[in-house]
Amino acid sequence: MPDTKAPLITQSTKQLTEQHIMHLTRQLATPAETDVLGHCLADQLVPGLIIYLHGELGVGKTALTRALLHAAGYSGHVKSPTYTLAEPYEVILSDQSVTIMHFDLYRMTSPDEFLEAGFRDVFNQSTICIVEWPENGKGVLPLPDLELFLTVAGAGRVVELRAITEKGKTCLTQLKFPPN
């Protein structure tokens, strides 16, 4: 049986040159616009997709993930996995059951905790992984397909989406998120 785990890549996305990264920046003036982004991202989900969410506490990473999960068809309660580190959600995409694993590595004190918990095995070609605070797993997490950087801007937020891989570029190219 072939190994379907994502390769371990310790290269920081900061080391990638701008010519290899496709990006898009948008203003999110209200929480409703964050929800719209989540809905638009849900339309681009494919098995094996890895998304990193960057931003300070309270900037909206979990809110964005909640909107994405609900738009993907998950109808239950979506909570921040701050204390559990990971929460799985089952959705149907293209008539196929897919697990979306939501990680929150904020409380992780060492990247080794990620490996010891067995989370590395979750990153494969059939599971979608969304990771908050990926910097706390530096060196053990696989390279993301898509990175989102959320920052506070007045009463709203600014989001920068960066496509790192071909899968991420396809996602970003097909994203139907209205311009400001």
N, C-alpha and C. Protein backbone atom coordinates (compact mmCIF):
# COMPACT_ATOMS: atom_id res chain seq x y z
N MET A 1 0.85 -1.18 0.00
CA MET A 1 0.00 0.00 0.00
C MET A 1 0.90 1.24 0.00
N PRO A 2 0.64 2.20 -0.88
CA PRO A 2 1.50 3.38 -0.96
C PRO A 2 1.36 4.27 0.27
N ASP A 3 2.44 4.94 0.60
CA ASP A 3 2.44 5.88 1.72
C ASP A 3 1.74 7.15 1.28
N THR A 4 0.63 7.49 1.95
CA THR A 4 -0.14 8.68 1.55
C THR A 4 0.08 9.85 2.48
N LYS A 5 1.04 9.73 3.39
CA LYS A 5 1.32 10.83 4.32
C LYS A 5 1.99 11.98 3.58
N ALA A 6 1.67 13.18 3.99
CA ALA A 6 2.33 14.35 3.42
C ALA A 6 3.79 14.31 3.83
N PRO A 7 4.70 14.66 2.91
CA PRO A 7 6.11 14.63 3.27
C PRO A 7 6.44 15.66 4.34
N LEU A 8 7.36 15.29 5.22
CA LEU A 8 7.82 16.21 6.25
C LEU A 8 8.72 17.24 5.59
N ILE A 9 8.35 18.47 5.69
CA ILE A 9 9.13 19.55 5.09
C ILE A 9 9.43 20.55 6.18
N THR A 10 10.70 20.81 6.40
CA THR A 10 11.06 21.74 7.44
C THR A 10 11.32 23.13 6.88
N GLN A 11 11.24 23.27 5.57
CA GLN A 11 11.47 24.57 4.95
C GLN A 11 10.34 25.51 5.35
N SER A 12 10.69 26.67 5.82
CA SER A 12 9.70 27.68 6.17
C SER A 12 9.15 28.29 4.89
N THR A 13 7.87 28.60 4.90
CA THR A 13 7.30 29.26 3.72
C THR A 13 7.90 30.65 3.54
N LYS A 14 8.47 31.20 4.58
CA LYS A 14 9.14 32.50 4.46
C LYS A 14 10.35 32.39 3.54
N GLN A 15 10.94 31.18 3.42
CA GLN A 15 12.10 30.98 2.58
C GLN A 15 11.74 30.86 1.11
N LEU A 16 10.49 30.61 0.81
CA LEU A 16 10.08 30.51 -0.58
C LEU A 16 10.10 31.89 -1.21
N THR A 17 10.50 31.95 -2.45
CA THR A 17 10.57 33.25 -3.11
C THR A 17 9.19 33.70 -3.53
N GLU A 18 9.02 34.99 -3.68
CA GLU A 18 7.73 35.56 -4.08
C GLU A 18 7.25 35.01 -5.41
N GLN A 19 8.18 34.62 -6.30
CA GLN A 19 7.77 34.10 -7.59
C GLN A 19 7.06 32.76 -7.48
N HIS A 20 7.25 32.06 -6.37
CA HIS A 20 6.60 30.77 -6.16
C HIS A 20 5.29 30.89 -5.39
N ILE A 21 5.01 32.05 -4.84
CA ILE A 21 3.83 32.22 -4.01
C ILE A 21 2.83 33.14 -4.70
N MET A 22 1.60 32.68 -4.79
CA MET A 22 0.51 33.49 -5.33
C MET A 22 -0.24 34.03 -4.12
N HIS A 23 -0.59 35.31 -4.12
CA HIS A 23 -1.30 35.82 -2.95
C HIS A 23 -2.41 36.78 -3.33
N LEU A 24 -3.31 36.95 -2.38
CA LEU A 24 -4.48 37.79 -2.53
C LEU A 24 -4.74 38.43 -1.16
N THR A 25 -4.99 39.73 -1.15
CA THR A 25 -5.27 40.43 0.11
C THR A 25 -6.65 41.09 0.01
N ARG A 26 -7.42 40.96 1.09
CA ARG A 26 -8.77 41.55 1.14
C ARG A 26 -9.03 42.14 2.52
N GLN A 27 -9.86 43.17 2.55
CA GLN A 27 -10.35 43.76 3.79
C GLN A 27 -11.62 43.01 4.19
N LEU A 28 -11.73 42.65 5.46
CA LEU A 28 -12.94 42.04 6.01
C LEU A 28 -13.50 43.05 7.01
N ALA A 29 -14.45 43.85 6.57
CA ALA A 29 -14.95 44.95 7.39
C ALA A 29 -15.82 44.48 8.55
N THR A 30 -16.46 43.32 8.40
CA THR A 30 -17.39 42.83 9.42
C THR A 30 -17.20 41.33 9.63
N PRO A 31 -17.70 40.80 10.75
CA PRO A 31 -17.67 39.34 10.93
C PRO A 31 -18.42 38.61 9.81
N ALA A 32 -19.45 39.23 9.26
CA ALA A 32 -20.20 38.61 8.16
C ALA A 32 -19.30 38.39 6.94
N GLU A 33 -18.38 39.31 6.70
CA GLU A 33 -17.45 39.14 5.58
C GLU A 33 -16.46 38.01 5.84
N THR A 34 -16.11 37.79 7.10
CA THR A 34 -15.28 36.64 7.45
C THR A 34 -16.04 35.36 7.14
N ASP A 35 -17.34 35.34 7.46
CA ASP A 35 -18.18 34.19 7.16
C ASP A 35 -18.25 33.94 5.65
N VAL A 36 -18.36 35.00 4.86
CA VAL A 36 -18.41 34.87 3.40
C VAL A 36 -17.11 34.23 2.90
N LEU A 37 -15.98 34.68 3.43
CA LEU A 37 -14.71 34.08 3.05
C LEU A 37 -14.70 32.60 3.39
N GLY A 38 -15.18 32.23 4.57
CA GLY A 38 -15.25 30.82 4.95
C GLY A 38 -16.09 30.02 3.98
N HIS A 39 -17.22 30.58 3.56
CA HIS A 39 -18.10 29.91 2.59
C HIS A 39 -17.40 29.75 1.26
N CYS A 40 -16.71 30.79 0.81
CA CYS A 40 -15.99 30.72 -0.47
C CYS A 40 -14.86 29.69 -0.41
N LEU A 41 -14.15 29.63 0.70
CA LEU A 41 -13.08 28.64 0.85
C LEU A 41 -13.65 27.22 0.87
N ALA A 42 -14.81 27.04 1.48
CA ALA A 42 -15.43 25.71 1.55
C ALA A 42 -15.69 25.16 0.15
N ASP A 43 -16.00 26.04 -0.79
CA ASP A 43 -16.25 25.61 -2.17
C ASP A 43 -14.99 25.08 -2.84
N GLN A 44 -13.83 25.37 -2.27
CA GLN A 44 -12.56 24.95 -2.88
C GLN A 44 -11.91 23.77 -2.17
N LEU A 45 -12.56 23.23 -1.15
CA LEU A 45 -11.97 22.13 -0.39
C LEU A 45 -11.82 20.87 -1.24
N VAL A 46 -10.66 20.26 -1.12
CA VAL A 46 -10.37 18.97 -1.76
C VAL A 46 -9.61 18.12 -0.76
N PRO A 47 -9.81 16.81 -0.78
CA PRO A 47 -9.07 15.95 0.13
C PRO A 47 -7.56 16.18 0.01
N GLY A 48 -6.89 16.19 1.15
CA GLY A 48 -5.45 16.39 1.18
C GLY A 48 -5.01 17.83 1.32
N LEU A 49 -5.95 18.77 1.27
CA LEU A 49 -5.61 20.19 1.37
C LEU A 49 -5.14 20.52 2.78
N ILE A 50 -4.06 21.30 2.87
CA ILE A 50 -3.53 21.75 4.15
C ILE A 50 -3.58 23.27 4.18
N ILE A 51 -4.27 23.82 5.19
CA ILE A 51 -4.41 25.27 5.35
C ILE A 51 -3.84 25.68 6.69
N TYR A 52 -2.96 26.68 6.69
CA TYR A 52 -2.45 27.26 7.92
C TYR A 52 -3.17 28.58 8.15
N LEU A 53 -3.55 28.84 9.40
CA LEU A 53 -4.17 30.10 9.80
C LEU A 53 -3.25 30.81 10.78
N HIS A 54 -2.83 32.02 10.41
CA HIS A 54 -1.94 32.81 11.26
C HIS A 54 -2.70 34.04 11.77
N GLY A 55 -2.38 34.49 12.96
CA GLY A 55 -2.98 35.70 13.50
C GLY A 55 -3.00 35.65 15.02
N GLU A 56 -3.10 36.83 15.60
CA GLU A 56 -3.11 36.94 17.06
C GLU A 56 -4.40 36.36 17.64
N LEU A 57 -4.41 36.20 18.96
CA LEU A 57 -5.60 35.74 19.66
C LEU A 57 -6.79 36.65 19.34
N GLY A 58 -7.93 36.05 19.07
CA GLY A 58 -9.15 36.83 18.87
C GLY A 58 -9.30 37.48 17.51
N VAL A 59 -8.41 37.17 16.57
CA VAL A 59 -8.46 37.81 15.26
C VAL A 59 -9.50 37.16 14.33
N GLY A 60 -9.96 35.95 14.66
CA GLY A 60 -11.02 35.33 13.88
C GLY A 60 -10.66 34.02 13.19
N LYS A 61 -9.59 33.38 13.61
CA LYS A 61 -9.18 32.12 12.97
C LYS A 61 -10.25 31.03 13.16
N THR A 62 -10.72 30.88 14.39
CA THR A 62 -11.74 29.86 14.65
C THR A 62 -13.07 30.25 14.02
N ALA A 63 -13.41 31.52 14.02
CA ALA A 63 -14.66 31.98 13.38
C ALA A 63 -14.63 31.66 11.88
N LEU A 64 -13.49 31.88 11.25
CA LEU A 64 -13.35 31.57 9.83
C LEU A 64 -13.50 30.06 9.60
N THR A 65 -12.86 29.27 10.46
CA THR A 65 -12.95 27.81 10.34
C THR A 65 -14.38 27.35 10.56
N ARG A 66 -15.06 27.93 11.52
CA ARG A 66 -16.47 27.58 11.80
C ARG A 66 -17.34 27.84 10.56
N ALA A 67 -17.16 29.00 9.94
CA ALA A 67 -17.93 29.34 8.74
C ALA A 67 -17.62 28.36 7.61
N LEU A 68 -16.35 28.02 7.44
CA LEU A 68 -15.93 27.07 6.41
C LEU A 68 -16.58 25.71 6.65
N LEU A 69 -16.52 25.22 7.89
CA LEU A 69 -17.10 23.91 8.21
C LEU A 69 -18.61 23.88 7.98
N HIS A 70 -19.30 24.92 8.42
CA HIS A 70 -20.75 24.96 8.21
C HIS A 70 -21.09 25.04 6.72
N ALA A 71 -20.32 25.80 5.96
CA ALA A 71 -20.56 25.89 4.52
C ALA A 71 -20.25 24.57 3.82
N ALA A 72 -19.33 23.79 4.39
CA ALA A 72 -18.99 22.48 3.82
C ALA A 72 -20.03 21.42 4.18
N GLY A 73 -21.00 21.79 5.03
CA GLY A 73 -22.08 20.87 5.35
C GLY A 73 -22.10 20.33 6.76
N TYR A 74 -21.14 20.72 7.59
CA TYR A 74 -21.15 20.26 8.97
C TYR A 74 -22.19 21.08 9.73
N SER A 75 -23.13 20.40 10.39
CA SER A 75 -24.24 21.12 11.04
C SER A 75 -24.11 21.20 12.56
N GLY A 76 -23.14 20.55 13.13
CA GLY A 76 -22.99 20.55 14.58
C GLY A 76 -22.25 21.76 15.11
N HIS A 77 -21.98 21.71 16.42
CA HIS A 77 -21.25 22.77 17.10
C HIS A 77 -19.77 22.70 16.73
N VAL A 78 -19.19 23.82 16.39
CA VAL A 78 -17.76 23.90 16.08
C VAL A 78 -17.10 24.71 17.18
N LYS A 79 -16.18 24.06 17.89
CA LYS A 79 -15.51 24.75 18.98
C LYS A 79 -14.02 24.87 18.67
N SER A 80 -13.38 25.77 19.36
CA SER A 80 -11.94 25.91 19.22
C SER A 80 -11.27 24.72 19.90
N PRO A 81 -10.35 24.05 19.21
CA PRO A 81 -9.67 22.92 19.83
C PRO A 81 -8.45 23.33 20.67
N THR A 82 -8.54 24.50 21.31
CA THR A 82 -7.42 25.01 22.09
C THR A 82 -6.95 24.03 23.15
N TYR A 83 -7.87 23.35 23.83
CA TYR A 83 -7.49 22.44 24.90
C TYR A 83 -7.30 21.01 24.43
N THR A 84 -7.95 20.62 23.35
CA THR A 84 -7.83 19.26 22.84
C THR A 84 -6.77 19.15 21.75
N LEU A 85 -6.30 20.26 21.24
CA LEU A 85 -5.34 20.40 20.14
C LEU A 85 -5.94 20.06 18.78
N ALA A 86 -6.92 19.17 18.72
CA ALA A 86 -7.48 18.78 17.42
C ALA A 86 -8.93 18.34 17.57
N GLU A 87 -9.73 18.70 16.58
CA GLU A 87 -11.14 18.27 16.52
C GLU A 87 -11.42 17.80 15.10
N PRO A 88 -11.96 16.58 14.95
CA PRO A 88 -12.32 16.09 13.62
C PRO A 88 -13.78 16.41 13.28
N TYR A 89 -14.02 16.67 12.01
CA TYR A 89 -15.37 16.94 11.52
C TYR A 89 -15.56 16.16 10.22
N GLU A 90 -16.68 15.47 10.11
CA GLU A 90 -16.99 14.70 8.90
C GLU A 90 -17.94 15.51 8.02
N VAL A 91 -17.59 15.63 6.74
CA VAL A 91 -18.44 16.30 5.77
C VAL A 91 -18.49 15.45 4.50
N ILE A 92 -19.43 15.77 3.64
CA ILE A 92 -19.54 15.10 2.35
C ILE A 92 -19.10 16.09 1.28
N LEU A 93 -18.07 15.73 0.53
CA LEU A 93 -17.60 16.53 -0.60
C LEU A 93 -17.62 15.67 -1.85
N SER A 94 -18.31 16.12 -2.87
CA SER A 94 -18.41 15.36 -4.12
C SER A 94 -18.86 13.92 -3.85
N ASP A 95 -19.90 13.77 -3.05
CA ASP A 95 -20.49 12.46 -2.71
C ASP A 95 -19.52 11.53 -1.98
N GLN A 96 -18.53 12.10 -1.32
CA GLN A 96 -17.53 11.30 -0.61
C GLN A 96 -17.38 11.84 0.81
N SER A 97 -17.35 10.94 1.79
CA SER A 97 -17.14 11.36 3.17
C SER A 97 -15.67 11.75 3.35
N VAL A 98 -15.46 12.95 3.90
CA VAL A 98 -14.11 13.48 4.09
C VAL A 98 -14.00 14.01 5.52
N THR A 99 -12.86 13.76 6.14
CA THR A 99 -12.59 14.30 7.47
C THR A 99 -11.85 15.62 7.31
N ILE A 100 -12.36 16.64 8.01
CA ILE A 100 -11.64 17.91 8.13
C ILE A 100 -11.12 17.94 9.56
N MET A 101 -9.82 18.01 9.71
CA MET A 101 -9.20 18.03 11.02
C MET A 101 -8.80 19.47 11.33
N HIS A 102 -9.33 20.01 12.42
CA HIS A 102 -9.05 21.38 12.84
C HIS A 102 -8.09 21.32 14.02
N PHE A 103 -6.89 21.83 13.81
CA PHE A 103 -5.86 21.86 14.86
C PHE A 103 -5.73 23.27 15.41
N ASP A 104 -5.51 23.37 16.70
CA ASP A 104 -5.15 24.63 17.34
C ASP A 104 -3.93 24.34 18.20
N LEU A 105 -2.77 24.79 17.75
CA LEU A 105 -1.51 24.46 18.41
C LEU A 105 -1.06 25.53 19.39
N TYR A 106 -1.95 26.45 19.76
CA TYR A 106 -1.60 27.56 20.64
C TYR A 106 -0.96 27.09 21.94
N ARG A 107 -1.50 26.07 22.57
CA ARG A 107 -1.02 25.62 23.87
C ARG A 107 0.11 24.59 23.78
N MET A 108 0.50 24.25 22.58
CA MET A 108 1.57 23.28 22.41
C MET A 108 2.91 23.92 22.77
N THR A 109 3.64 23.31 23.67
CA THR A 109 4.90 23.91 24.13
C THR A 109 6.11 23.44 23.35
N SER A 110 5.96 22.37 22.58
CA SER A 110 7.07 21.83 21.79
C SER A 110 6.51 21.13 20.56
N PRO A 111 7.16 21.26 19.42
CA PRO A 111 6.71 20.53 18.23
C PRO A 111 6.65 19.02 18.45
N ASP A 112 7.47 18.53 19.38
CA ASP A 112 7.47 17.09 19.67
C ASP A 112 6.11 16.62 20.18
N GLU A 113 5.35 17.50 20.86
CA GLU A 113 4.01 17.13 21.33
C GLU A 113 3.12 16.73 20.17
N PHE A 114 3.29 17.40 19.05
CA PHE A 114 2.51 17.11 17.86
C PHE A 114 2.80 15.68 17.39
N LEU A 115 4.07 15.33 17.35
CA LEU A 115 4.46 13.99 16.92
C LEU A 115 4.02 12.93 17.93
N GLU A 116 4.20 13.22 19.21
CA GLU A 116 3.84 12.27 20.26
C GLU A 116 2.34 11.98 20.28
N ALA A 117 1.54 12.95 19.90
CA ALA A 117 0.09 12.76 19.86
C ALA A 117 -0.35 11.95 18.64
N GLY A 118 0.58 11.70 17.71
CA GLY A 118 0.25 10.93 16.51
C GLY A 118 -0.43 11.73 15.43
N PHE A 119 -0.40 13.05 15.55
CA PHE A 119 -1.10 13.89 14.57
C PHE A 119 -0.46 13.85 13.19
N ARG A 120 0.80 13.52 13.11
CA ARG A 120 1.49 13.49 11.82
C ARG A 120 0.77 12.58 10.83
N ASP A 121 0.20 11.46 11.34
CA ASP A 121 -0.48 10.50 10.48
C ASP A 121 -1.75 11.05 9.86
N VAL A 122 -2.31 12.11 10.44
CA VAL A 122 -3.55 12.70 9.94
C VAL A 122 -3.33 13.45 8.64
N PHE A 123 -2.11 13.94 8.43
CA PHE A 123 -1.80 14.68 7.21
C PHE A 123 -1.56 13.69 6.08
N ASN A 124 -2.59 13.49 5.27
CA ASN A 124 -2.53 12.53 4.17
C ASN A 124 -3.39 13.03 3.02
N GLN A 125 -3.50 12.25 1.98
CA GLN A 125 -4.21 12.68 0.78
C GLN A 125 -5.73 12.58 0.89
N SER A 126 -6.25 12.09 2.02
CA SER A 126 -7.70 11.98 2.15
C SER A 126 -8.29 12.91 3.21
N THR A 127 -7.46 13.51 4.04
CA THR A 127 -7.93 14.39 5.12
C THR A 127 -7.58 15.84 4.81
N ILE A 128 -8.50 16.73 5.08
CA ILE A 128 -8.24 18.17 4.97
C ILE A 128 -7.80 18.65 6.35
N CYS A 129 -6.68 19.35 6.42
CA CYS A 129 -6.16 19.81 7.71
C CYS A 129 -6.11 21.33 7.75
N ILE A 130 -6.71 21.89 8.79
CA ILE A 130 -6.68 23.33 9.03
C ILE A 130 -5.95 23.53 10.35
N VAL A 131 -4.88 24.33 10.32
CA VAL A 131 -4.00 24.45 11.48
C VAL A 131 -3.90 25.91 11.94
N GLU A 132 -4.39 26.17 13.16
CA GLU A 132 -4.17 27.47 13.80
C GLU A 132 -2.86 27.40 14.57
N TRP A 133 -2.12 28.49 14.60
CA TRP A 133 -0.84 28.59 15.29
C TRP A 133 0.17 27.58 14.75
N PRO A 134 0.33 27.47 13.43
CA PRO A 134 1.27 26.48 12.88
C PRO A 134 2.72 26.74 13.27
N GLU A 135 3.04 27.98 13.65
CA GLU A 135 4.42 28.27 14.05
C GLU A 135 4.83 27.45 15.28
N ASN A 136 3.86 26.99 16.07
CA ASN A 136 4.18 26.16 17.24
C ASN A 136 4.50 24.72 16.86
N GLY A 137 4.30 24.38 15.59
CA GLY A 137 4.65 23.05 15.09
C GLY A 137 5.77 23.10 14.07
N LYS A 138 6.48 24.21 14.07
CA LYS A 138 7.56 24.41 13.09
C LYS A 138 8.55 23.24 13.12
N GLY A 139 8.86 22.75 11.94
CA GLY A 139 9.82 21.66 11.82
C GLY A 139 9.19 20.29 11.77
N VAL A 140 7.92 20.15 12.17
CA VAL A 140 7.26 18.85 12.12
C VAL A 140 6.00 18.85 11.25
N LEU A 141 5.51 20.03 10.93
CA LEU A 141 4.33 20.12 10.08
C LEU A 141 4.74 20.07 8.60
N PRO A 142 3.92 19.46 7.76
CA PRO A 142 4.20 19.52 6.33
C PRO A 142 3.92 20.92 5.78
N LEU A 143 4.48 21.23 4.66
CA LEU A 143 4.26 22.50 3.99
C LEU A 143 2.78 22.66 3.69
N PRO A 144 2.20 23.84 3.94
CA PRO A 144 0.77 24.03 3.64
C PRO A 144 0.55 24.26 2.15
N ASP A 145 -0.67 24.02 1.73
CA ASP A 145 -1.07 24.39 0.37
C ASP A 145 -1.45 25.86 0.34
N LEU A 146 -2.08 26.30 1.43
CA LEU A 146 -2.61 27.65 1.53
C LEU A 146 -2.35 28.19 2.92
N GLU A 147 -1.91 29.44 3.00
CA GLU A 147 -1.73 30.11 4.28
C GLU A 147 -2.62 31.35 4.29
N LEU A 148 -3.28 31.57 5.43
CA LEU A 148 -4.07 32.78 5.62
C LEU A 148 -3.50 33.54 6.79
N PHE A 149 -3.26 34.83 6.58
CA PHE A 149 -2.75 35.71 7.62
C PHE A 149 -3.84 36.72 7.94
N LEU A 150 -4.39 36.66 9.13
CA LEU A 150 -5.44 37.57 9.57
C LEU A 150 -4.84 38.61 10.52
N THR A 151 -5.13 39.88 10.27
CA THR A 151 -4.67 40.95 11.15
C THR A 151 -5.82 41.93 11.41
N VAL A 152 -5.77 42.56 12.57
CA VAL A 152 -6.77 43.56 12.93
C VAL A 152 -6.48 44.82 12.13
N ALA A 153 -7.55 45.42 11.59
CA ALA A 153 -7.43 46.68 10.84
C ALA A 153 -8.62 47.55 11.22
N GLY A 154 -8.43 48.43 12.20
CA GLY A 154 -9.55 49.24 12.69
C GLY A 154 -10.57 48.33 13.34
N ALA A 155 -11.83 48.46 12.93
CA ALA A 155 -12.89 47.62 13.47
C ALA A 155 -13.00 46.29 12.74
N GLY A 156 -12.27 46.15 11.62
CA GLY A 156 -12.34 44.94 10.81
C GLY A 156 -11.05 44.13 10.83
N ARG A 157 -10.86 43.40 9.78
CA ARG A 157 -9.68 42.55 9.62
C ARG A 157 -9.16 42.68 8.20
N VAL A 158 -7.90 42.37 8.04
CA VAL A 158 -7.31 42.20 6.72
C VAL A 158 -6.88 40.74 6.64
N VAL A 159 -7.16 40.10 5.52
CA VAL A 159 -6.72 38.73 5.31
C VAL A 159 -5.83 38.69 4.08
N GLU A 160 -4.69 38.05 4.23
CA GLU A 160 -3.82 37.77 3.08
C GLU A 160 -3.81 36.27 2.90
N LEU A 161 -4.14 35.82 1.71
CA LEU A 161 -4.13 34.40 1.37
C LEU A 161 -2.91 34.15 0.50
N ARG A 162 -2.11 33.16 0.86
CA ARG A 162 -0.92 32.81 0.09
C ARG A 162 -1.02 31.36 -0.34
N ALA A 163 -0.94 31.14 -1.64
CA ALA A 163 -0.92 29.78 -2.19
C ALA A 163 0.53 29.35 -2.32
N ILE A 164 0.87 28.25 -1.69
CA ILE A 164 2.25 27.77 -1.64
C ILE A 164 2.49 26.66 -2.66
N THR A 165 1.53 25.77 -2.82
CA THR A 165 1.68 24.61 -3.70
C THR A 165 0.76 24.78 -4.92
N GLU A 166 0.87 23.85 -5.85
CA GLU A 166 -0.03 23.87 -7.01
C GLU A 166 -1.47 23.69 -6.57
N LYS A 167 -1.70 22.83 -5.58
CA LYS A 167 -3.06 22.63 -5.05
C LYS A 167 -3.58 23.94 -4.46
N GLY A 168 -2.72 24.65 -3.74
CA GLY A 168 -3.09 25.95 -3.16
C GLY A 168 -3.35 26.99 -4.24
N LYS A 169 -2.55 26.98 -5.29
CA LYS A 169 -2.73 27.94 -6.39
C LYS A 169 -4.06 27.67 -7.10
N THR A 170 -4.40 26.40 -7.28
CA THR A 170 -5.69 26.07 -7.89
C THR A 170 -6.82 26.59 -7.02
N CYS A 171 -6.71 26.37 -5.72
CA CYS A 171 -7.72 26.84 -4.77
C CYS A 171 -7.88 28.35 -4.87
N LEU A 172 -6.77 29.08 -4.84
CA LEU A 172 -6.82 30.54 -4.86
C LEU A 172 -7.30 31.07 -6.20
N THR A 173 -6.90 30.44 -7.28
CA THR A 173 -7.33 30.86 -8.61
C THR A 173 -8.85 30.71 -8.78
N GLN A 174 -9.40 29.66 -8.22
CA GLN A 174 -10.83 29.38 -8.37
C GLN A 174 -11.69 30.02 -7.29
N LEU A 175 -11.05 30.64 -6.29
CA LEU A 175 -11.78 31.27 -5.19
C LEU A 175 -12.66 32.39 -5.71
N LYS A 176 -13.91 32.35 -5.36
CA LYS A 176 -14.87 33.37 -5.80
C LYS A 176 -15.22 34.25 -4.62
N PHE A 177 -14.23 34.99 -4.15
CA PHE A 177 -14.41 35.92 -3.02
C PHE A 177 -14.46 37.31 -3.59
N PRO A 178 -15.57 38.03 -3.41
CA PRO A 178 -15.73 39.33 -4.06
C PRO A 178 -14.68 40.34 -3.61
N PRO A 179 -14.17 41.11 -4.55
CA PRO A 179 -13.20 42.16 -4.18
C PRO A 179 -13.88 43.25 -3.37
N ASN A 180 -13.07 43.98 -2.61
CA ASN A 180 -13.60 45.10 -1.80
C ASN A 180 -14.01 46.23 -2.73
